[in-house]
Amino acid sequence: MSNRLREVRVLKRVSQYVLALQTTIPQCKISLIENSLVKGNEGEKRKIAKALGVKIEEIFPTEVVDDSSL
């Protein structure tokens, strides 16, 4: 269940705090997602990817996400 959230977030120079503000996802949940302790739902993944300006698959490469509604 690994992801690249921390790597992409740091590359984009966005703190967990700022990402939380941009996505309305609590900072503690972003930390849990980064550390692969929880997956996060499809809506949260979409918000994170949008806030970081990348495709969902770039952050969550091992998971198939239905992005047909984007």
PDB file of N, CA and C in Angstrom:
ATOM      1  N   MET A   1       0.837  -1.188   0.000  1.00  0.00           N
ATOM      2  CA  MET A   1       0.000   0.000   0.000  1.00  0.00           C
ATOM      3  C   MET A   1       0.883   1.254   0.000  1.00  0.00           C
ATOM      4  N   SER A   2       2.061   1.188  -0.563  1.00  0.00           N
ATOM      5  CA  SER A   2       2.940   2.351  -0.521  1.00  0.00           C
ATOM      6  C   SER A   2       2.511   3.392  -1.554  1.00  0.00           C
ATOM      7  N   ASN A   3       2.910   4.614  -1.295  1.00  0.00           N
ATOM      8  CA  ASN A   3       2.601   5.715  -2.193  1.00  0.00           C
ATOM      9  C   ASN A   3       3.786   6.677  -2.229  1.00  0.00           C
ATOM     10  N   ARG A   4       3.686   7.660  -3.086  1.00  0.00           N
ATOM     11  CA  ARG A   4       4.772   8.630  -3.257  1.00  0.00           C
ATOM     12  C   ARG A   4       4.361  10.014  -2.750  1.00  0.00           C
ATOM     13  N   LEU A   5       3.383  10.080  -1.869  1.00  0.00           N
ATOM     14  CA  LEU A   5       2.868  11.360  -1.421  1.00  0.00           C
ATOM     15  C   LEU A   5       3.959  12.233  -0.811  1.00  0.00           C
ATOM     16  N   ARG A   6       4.714  11.712   0.124  1.00  0.00           N
ATOM     17  CA  ARG A   6       5.753  12.528   0.762  1.00  0.00           C
ATOM     18  C   ARG A   6       6.763  13.022  -0.273  1.00  0.00           C
ATOM     19  N   GLU A   7       7.203  12.119  -1.137  1.00  0.00           N
ATOM     20  CA  GLU A   7       8.196  12.469  -2.158  1.00  0.00           C
ATOM     21  C   GLU A   7       7.687  13.603  -3.063  1.00  0.00           C
ATOM     22  N   VAL A   8       6.468  13.481  -3.550  1.00  0.00           N
ATOM     23  CA  VAL A   8       5.908  14.503  -4.437  1.00  0.00           C
ATOM     24  C   VAL A   8       5.666  15.805  -3.676  1.00  0.00           C
ATOM     25  N   ARG A   9       5.149  15.695  -2.459  1.00  0.00           N
ATOM     26  CA  ARG A   9       4.861  16.890  -1.656  1.00  0.00           C
ATOM     27  C   ARG A   9       6.133  17.681  -1.386  1.00  0.00           C
ATOM     28  N   VAL A  10       7.210  16.984  -1.003  1.00  0.00           N
ATOM     29  CA  VAL A  10       8.485  17.650  -0.724  1.00  0.00           C
ATOM     30  C   VAL A  10       9.054  18.253  -2.010  1.00  0.00           C
ATOM     31  N   LEU A  11       8.958  17.523  -3.103  1.00  0.00           N
ATOM     32  CA  LEU A  11       9.438  18.025  -4.398  1.00  0.00           C
ATOM     33  C   LEU A  11       8.722  19.317  -4.792  1.00  0.00           C
ATOM     34  N   LYS A  12       7.429  19.386  -4.481  1.00  0.00           N
ATOM     35  CA  LYS A  12       6.630  20.573  -4.801  1.00  0.00           C
ATOM     36  C   LYS A  12       6.762  21.668  -3.729  1.00  0.00           C
ATOM     37  N   ARG A  13       7.532  21.366  -2.687  1.00  0.00           N
ATOM     38  CA  ARG A  13       7.760  22.309  -1.580  1.00  0.00           C
ATOM     39  C   ARG A  13       6.459  22.746  -0.897  1.00  0.00           C
ATOM     40  N   VAL A  14       5.641  21.756  -0.590  1.00  0.00           N
ATOM     41  CA  VAL A  14       4.372  21.997   0.091  1.00  0.00           C
ATOM     42  C   VAL A  14       4.413  21.262   1.424  1.00  0.00           C
ATOM     43  N   SER A  15       4.137  21.956   2.492  1.00  0.00           N
ATOM     44  CA  SER A  15       4.122  21.313   3.809  1.00  0.00           C
ATOM     45  C   SER A  15       2.814  20.534   3.991  1.00  0.00           C
ATOM     46  N   GLN A  16       2.813  19.632   4.938  1.00  0.00           N
ATOM     47  CA  GLN A  16       1.573  18.916   5.255  1.00  0.00           C
ATOM     48  C   GLN A  16       0.492  19.906   5.672  1.00  0.00           C
ATOM     49  N   TYR A  17       0.880  20.912   6.426  1.00  0.00           N
ATOM     50  CA  TYR A  17      -0.064  21.924   6.900  1.00  0.00           C
ATOM     51  C   TYR A  17      -0.735  22.645   5.726  1.00  0.00           C
ATOM     52  N   VAL A  18       0.062  23.087   4.768  1.00  0.00           N
ATOM     53  CA  VAL A  18      -0.478  23.802   3.605  1.00  0.00           C
ATOM     54  C   VAL A  18      -1.344  22.862   2.766  1.00  0.00           C
ATOM     55  N   LEU A  19      -0.900  21.634   2.592  1.00  0.00           N
ATOM     56  CA  LEU A  19      -1.685  20.663   1.839  1.00  0.00           C
ATOM     57  C   LEU A  19      -3.024  20.412   2.522  1.00  0.00           C
ATOM     58  N   ALA A  20      -3.001  20.354   3.836  1.00  0.00           N
ATOM     59  CA  ALA A  20      -4.246  20.178   4.591  1.00  0.00           C
ATOM     60  C   ALA A  20      -5.188  21.355   4.356  1.00  0.00           C
ATOM     61  N   LEU A  21      -4.656  22.557   4.365  1.00  0.00           N
ATOM     62  CA  LEU A  21      -5.490  23.734   4.113  1.00  0.00           C
ATOM     63  C   LEU A  21      -6.059  23.733   2.697  1.00  0.00           C
ATOM     64  N   GLN A  22      -5.246  23.344   1.728  1.00  0.00           N
ATOM     65  CA  GLN A  22      -5.673  23.345   0.334  1.00  0.00           C
ATOM     66  C   GLN A  22      -6.706  22.266   0.033  1.00  0.00           C
ATOM     67  N   THR A  23      -6.656  21.169   0.753  1.00  0.00           N
ATOM     68  CA  THR A  23      -7.527  20.032   0.456  1.00  0.00           C
ATOM     69  C   THR A  23      -8.675  19.844   1.438  1.00  0.00           C
ATOM     70  N   THR A  24      -8.661  20.553   2.544  1.00  0.00           N
ATOM     71  CA  THR A  24      -9.604  20.371   3.662  1.00  0.00           C
ATOM     72  C   THR A  24      -9.521  18.964   4.268  1.00  0.00           C
ATOM     73  N   ILE A  25      -8.395  18.306   4.074  1.00  0.00           N
ATOM     74  CA  ILE A  25      -8.141  17.010   4.704  1.00  0.00           C
ATOM     75  C   ILE A  25      -7.285  17.296   5.939  1.00  0.00           C
ATOM     76  N   PRO A  26      -7.667  16.789   7.109  1.00  0.00           N
ATOM     77  CA  PRO A  26      -6.871  17.071   8.309  1.00  0.00           C
ATOM     78  C   PRO A  26      -5.405  16.666   8.134  1.00  0.00           C
ATOM     79  N   GLN A  27      -4.522  17.485   8.678  1.00  0.00           N
ATOM     80  CA  GLN A  27      -3.086  17.225   8.571  1.00  0.00           C
ATOM     81  C   GLN A  27      -2.733  15.847   9.119  1.00  0.00           C
ATOM     82  N   CYS A  28      -3.378  15.435  10.192  1.00  0.00           N
ATOM     83  CA  CYS A  28      -3.077  14.117  10.766  1.00  0.00           C
ATOM     84  C   CYS A  28      -3.427  13.003   9.784  1.00  0.00           C
ATOM     85  N   LYS A  29      -4.479  13.179   8.980  1.00  0.00           N
ATOM     86  CA  LYS A  29      -4.840  12.154   7.994  1.00  0.00           C
ATOM     87  C   LYS A  29      -3.837  12.152   6.839  1.00  0.00           C
ATOM     88  N   ILE A  30      -3.375  13.332   6.431  1.00  0.00           N
ATOM     89  CA  ILE A  30      -2.353  13.398   5.387  1.00  0.00           C
ATOM     90  C   ILE A  30      -1.106  12.646   5.849  1.00  0.00           C
ATOM     91  N   SER A  31      -0.730  12.819   7.097  1.00  0.00           N
ATOM     92  CA  SER A  31       0.414  12.100   7.648  1.00  0.00           C
ATOM     93  C   SER A  31       0.184  10.595   7.615  1.00  0.00           C
ATOM     94  N   LEU A  32      -1.005  10.163   7.983  1.00  0.00           N
ATOM     95  CA  LEU A  32      -1.322   8.731   7.965  1.00  0.00           C
ATOM     96  C   LEU A  32      -1.267   8.172   6.544  1.00  0.00           C
ATOM     97  N   ILE A  33      -1.751   8.938   5.571  1.00  0.00           N
ATOM     98  CA  ILE A  33      -1.704   8.507   4.171  1.00  0.00           C
ATOM     99  C   ILE A  33      -0.250   8.433   3.705  1.00  0.00           C
ATOM    100  N   GLU A  34       0.537   9.461   4.035  1.00  0.00           N
ATOM    101  CA  GLU A  34       1.965   9.478   3.658  1.00  0.00           C
ATOM    102  C   GLU A  34       2.702   8.264   4.186  1.00  0.00           C
ATOM    103  N   ASN A  35       2.379   7.872   5.381  1.00  0.00           N
ATOM    104  CA  ASN A  35       3.062   6.754   6.023  1.00  0.00           C
ATOM    105  C   ASN A  35       2.399   5.410   5.725  1.00  0.00           C
ATOM    106  N   SER A  36       1.462   5.417   4.779  1.00  0.00           N
ATOM    107  CA  SER A  36       0.760   4.208   4.336  1.00  0.00           C
ATOM    108  C   SER A  36       0.053   3.474   5.474  1.00  0.00           C
ATOM    109  N   LEU A  37      -0.418   4.239   6.455  1.00  0.00           N
ATOM    110  CA  LEU A  37      -1.172   3.642   7.557  1.00  0.00           C
ATOM    111  C   LEU A  37      -2.661   3.597   7.231  1.00  0.00           C
ATOM    112  N   VAL A  38      -3.101   4.488   6.354  1.00  0.00           N
ATOM    113  CA  VAL A  38      -4.458   4.460   5.798  1.00  0.00           C
ATOM    114  C   VAL A  38      -4.351   4.771   4.310  1.00  0.00           C
ATOM    115  N   LYS A  39      -5.343   4.349   3.549  1.00  0.00           N
ATOM    116  CA  LYS A  39      -5.313   4.570   2.103  1.00  0.00           C
ATOM    117  C   LYS A  39      -5.840   5.937   1.706  1.00  0.00           C
ATOM    118  N   GLY A  40      -6.857   6.412   2.363  1.00  0.00           N
ATOM    119  CA  GLY A  40      -7.540   7.611   1.903  1.00  0.00           C
ATOM    120  C   GLY A  40      -8.553   7.207   0.849  1.00  0.00           C
ATOM    121  N   ASN A  41      -9.660   7.919   0.804  1.00  0.00           N
ATOM    122  CA  ASN A  41     -10.671   7.554  -0.176  1.00  0.00           C
ATOM    123  C   ASN A  41     -10.393   8.223  -1.520  1.00  0.00           C
ATOM    124  N   GLU A  42     -11.163   7.863  -2.513  1.00  0.00           N
ATOM    125  CA  GLU A  42     -10.936   8.368  -3.867  1.00  0.00           C
ATOM    126  C   GLU A  42     -11.022   9.895  -3.929  1.00  0.00           C
ATOM    127  N   GLY A  43     -11.966  10.469  -3.213  1.00  0.00           N
ATOM    128  CA  GLY A  43     -12.108  11.924  -3.194  1.00  0.00           C
ATOM    129  C   GLY A  43     -10.899  12.613  -2.586  1.00  0.00           C
ATOM    130  N   GLU A  44     -10.376  12.047  -1.510  1.00  0.00           N
ATOM    131  CA  GLU A  44      -9.185  12.613  -0.871  1.00  0.00           C
ATOM    132  C   GLU A  44      -7.982  12.521  -1.793  1.00  0.00           C
ATOM    133  N   LYS A  45      -7.832  11.388  -2.448  1.00  0.00           N
ATOM    134  CA  LYS A  45      -6.715  11.215  -3.383  1.00  0.00           C
ATOM    135  C   LYS A  45      -6.810  12.223  -4.520  1.00  0.00           C
ATOM    136  N   ARG A  46      -8.010  12.449  -5.006  1.00  0.00           N
ATOM    137  CA  ARG A  46      -8.227  13.406  -6.095  1.00  0.00           C
ATOM    138  C   ARG A  46      -7.858  14.823  -5.641  1.00  0.00           C
ATOM    139  N   LYS A  47      -8.288  15.184  -4.424  1.00  0.00           N
ATOM    140  CA  LYS A  47      -7.968  16.512  -3.882  1.00  0.00           C
ATOM    141  C   LYS A  47      -6.464  16.709  -3.713  1.00  0.00           C
ATOM    142  N   ILE A  48      -5.801  15.683  -3.203  1.00  0.00           N
ATOM    143  CA  ILE A  48      -4.349  15.759  -2.989  1.00  0.00           C
ATOM    144  C   ILE A  48      -3.624  15.942  -4.316  1.00  0.00           C
ATOM    145  N   ALA A  49      -3.979  15.118  -5.288  1.00  0.00           N
ATOM    146  CA  ALA A  49      -3.331  15.202  -6.599  1.00  0.00           C
ATOM    147  C   ALA A  49      -3.563  16.568  -7.233  1.00  0.00           C
ATOM    148  N   LYS A  50      -4.783  17.068  -7.153  1.00  0.00           N
ATOM    149  CA  LYS A  50      -5.099  18.375  -7.731  1.00  0.00           C
ATOM    150  C   LYS A  50      -4.300  19.478  -7.044  1.00  0.00           C
ATOM    151  N   ALA A  51      -4.233  19.435  -5.724  1.00  0.00           N
ATOM    152  CA  ALA A  51      -3.503  20.461  -4.969  1.00  0.00           C
ATOM    153  C   ALA A  51      -2.011  20.452  -5.309  1.00  0.00           C
ATOM    154  N   LEU A  52      -1.470  19.275  -5.597  1.00  0.00           N
ATOM    155  CA  LEU A  52      -0.047  19.156  -5.922  1.00  0.00           C
ATOM    156  C   LEU A  52       0.221  19.295  -7.416  1.00  0.00           C
ATOM    157  N   GLY A  53      -0.845  19.355  -8.201  1.00  0.00           N
ATOM    158  CA  GLY A  53      -0.687  19.554  -9.641  1.00  0.00           C
ATOM    159  C   GLY A  53      -0.141  18.352 -10.385  1.00  0.00           C
ATOM    160  N   VAL A  54      -0.517  17.152  -9.931  1.00  0.00           N
ATOM    161  CA  VAL A  54      -0.067  15.923 -10.585  1.00  0.00           C
ATOM    162  C   VAL A  54      -1.251  14.988 -10.775  1.00  0.00           C
ATOM    163  N   LYS A  55      -1.034  13.931 -11.560  1.00  0.00           N
ATOM    164  CA  LYS A  55      -2.055  12.911 -11.731  1.00  0.00           C
ATOM    165  C   LYS A  55      -2.065  12.008 -10.505  1.00  0.00           C
ATOM    166  N   ILE A  56      -3.217  11.461 -10.200  1.00  0.00           N
ATOM    167  CA  ILE A  56      -3.368  10.577  -9.046  1.00  0.00           C
ATOM    168  C   ILE A  56      -2.357   9.435  -9.108  1.00  0.00           C
ATOM    169  N   GLU A  57      -2.168   8.881 -10.310  1.00  0.00           N
ATOM    170  CA  GLU A  57      -1.271   7.729 -10.474  1.00  0.00           C
ATOM    171  C   GLU A  57       0.183   8.057 -10.130  1.00  0.00           C
ATOM    172  N   GLU A  58       0.548   9.331 -10.198  1.00  0.00           N
ATOM    173  CA  GLU A  58       1.917   9.718  -9.844  1.00  0.00           C
ATOM    174  C   GLU A  58       2.164   9.608  -8.342  1.00  0.00           C
ATOM    175  N   ILE A  59       1.112   9.748  -7.569  1.00  0.00           N
ATOM    176  CA  ILE A  59       1.236   9.669  -6.110  1.00  0.00           C
ATOM    177  C   ILE A  59       0.891   8.275  -5.612  1.00  0.00           C
ATOM    178  N   PHE A  60      -0.127   7.696  -6.194  1.00  0.00           N
ATOM    179  CA  PHE A  60      -0.610   6.379  -5.772  1.00  0.00           C
ATOM    180  C   PHE A  60      -0.471   5.394  -6.940  1.00  0.00           C
ATOM    181  N   PRO A  61       0.759   5.028  -7.306  1.00  0.00           N
ATOM    182  CA  PRO A  61       0.992   4.256  -8.531  1.00  0.00           C
ATOM    183  C   PRO A  61       0.472   2.827  -8.520  1.00  0.00           C
ATOM    184  N   THR A  62       0.348   2.207  -7.372  1.00  0.00           N
ATOM    185  CA  THR A  62      -0.047   0.803  -7.334  1.00  0.00           C
ATOM    186  C   THR A  62      -1.546   0.625  -7.255  1.00  0.00           C
ATOM    187  N   GLU A  63      -2.286   1.708  -7.200  1.00  0.00           N
ATOM    188  CA  GLU A  63      -3.729   1.615  -7.063  1.00  0.00           C
ATOM    189  C   GLU A  63      -4.401   2.138  -8.328  1.00  0.00           C
ATOM    190  N   VAL A  64      -5.448   1.460  -8.722  1.00  0.00           N
ATOM    191  CA  VAL A  64      -6.237   1.914  -9.867  1.00  0.00           C
ATOM    192  C   VAL A  64      -7.348   2.790  -9.334  1.00  0.00           C
ATOM    193  N   VAL A  65      -7.409   4.004  -9.844  1.00  0.00           N
ATOM    194  CA  VAL A  65      -8.424   4.955  -9.409  1.00  0.00           C
ATOM    195  C   VAL A  65      -9.253   5.336 -10.607  1.00  0.00           C
ATOM    196  N   ASP A  66     -10.572   5.321 -10.470  1.00  0.00           N
ATOM    197  CA  ASP A  66     -11.452   5.724 -11.553  1.00  0.00           C
ATOM    198  C   ASP A  66     -11.481   7.241 -11.610  1.00  0.00           C
ATOM    199  N   ASP A  67     -10.792   7.815 -12.596  1.00  0.00           N
ATOM    200  CA  ASP A  67     -10.752   9.267 -12.718  1.00  0.00           C
ATOM    201  C   ASP A  67     -11.574   9.744 -13.898  1.00  0.00           C
ATOM    202  N   SER A  68     -12.519   8.927 -14.350  1.00  0.00           N
ATOM    203  CA  SER A  68     -13.337   9.295 -15.490  1.00  0.00           C
ATOM    204  C   SER A  68     -14.239  10.482 -15.205  1.00  0.00           C
ATOM    205  N   SER A  69     -14.479  10.755 -13.925  1.00  0.00           N
ATOM    206  CA  SER A  69     -15.342  11.876 -13.569  1.00  0.00           C
ATOM    207  C   SER A  69     -14.584  13.173 -13.363  1.00  0.00           C
ATOM    208  N   LEU A  70     -13.271  13.185 -13.661  1.00  0.00           N
ATOM    209  CA  LEU A  70     -12.471  14.409 -13.503  1.00  0.00           C
ATOM    210  C   LEU A  70     -12.740  15.387 -14.605  1.00  0.00           C
TER     211      LEU A  70
END
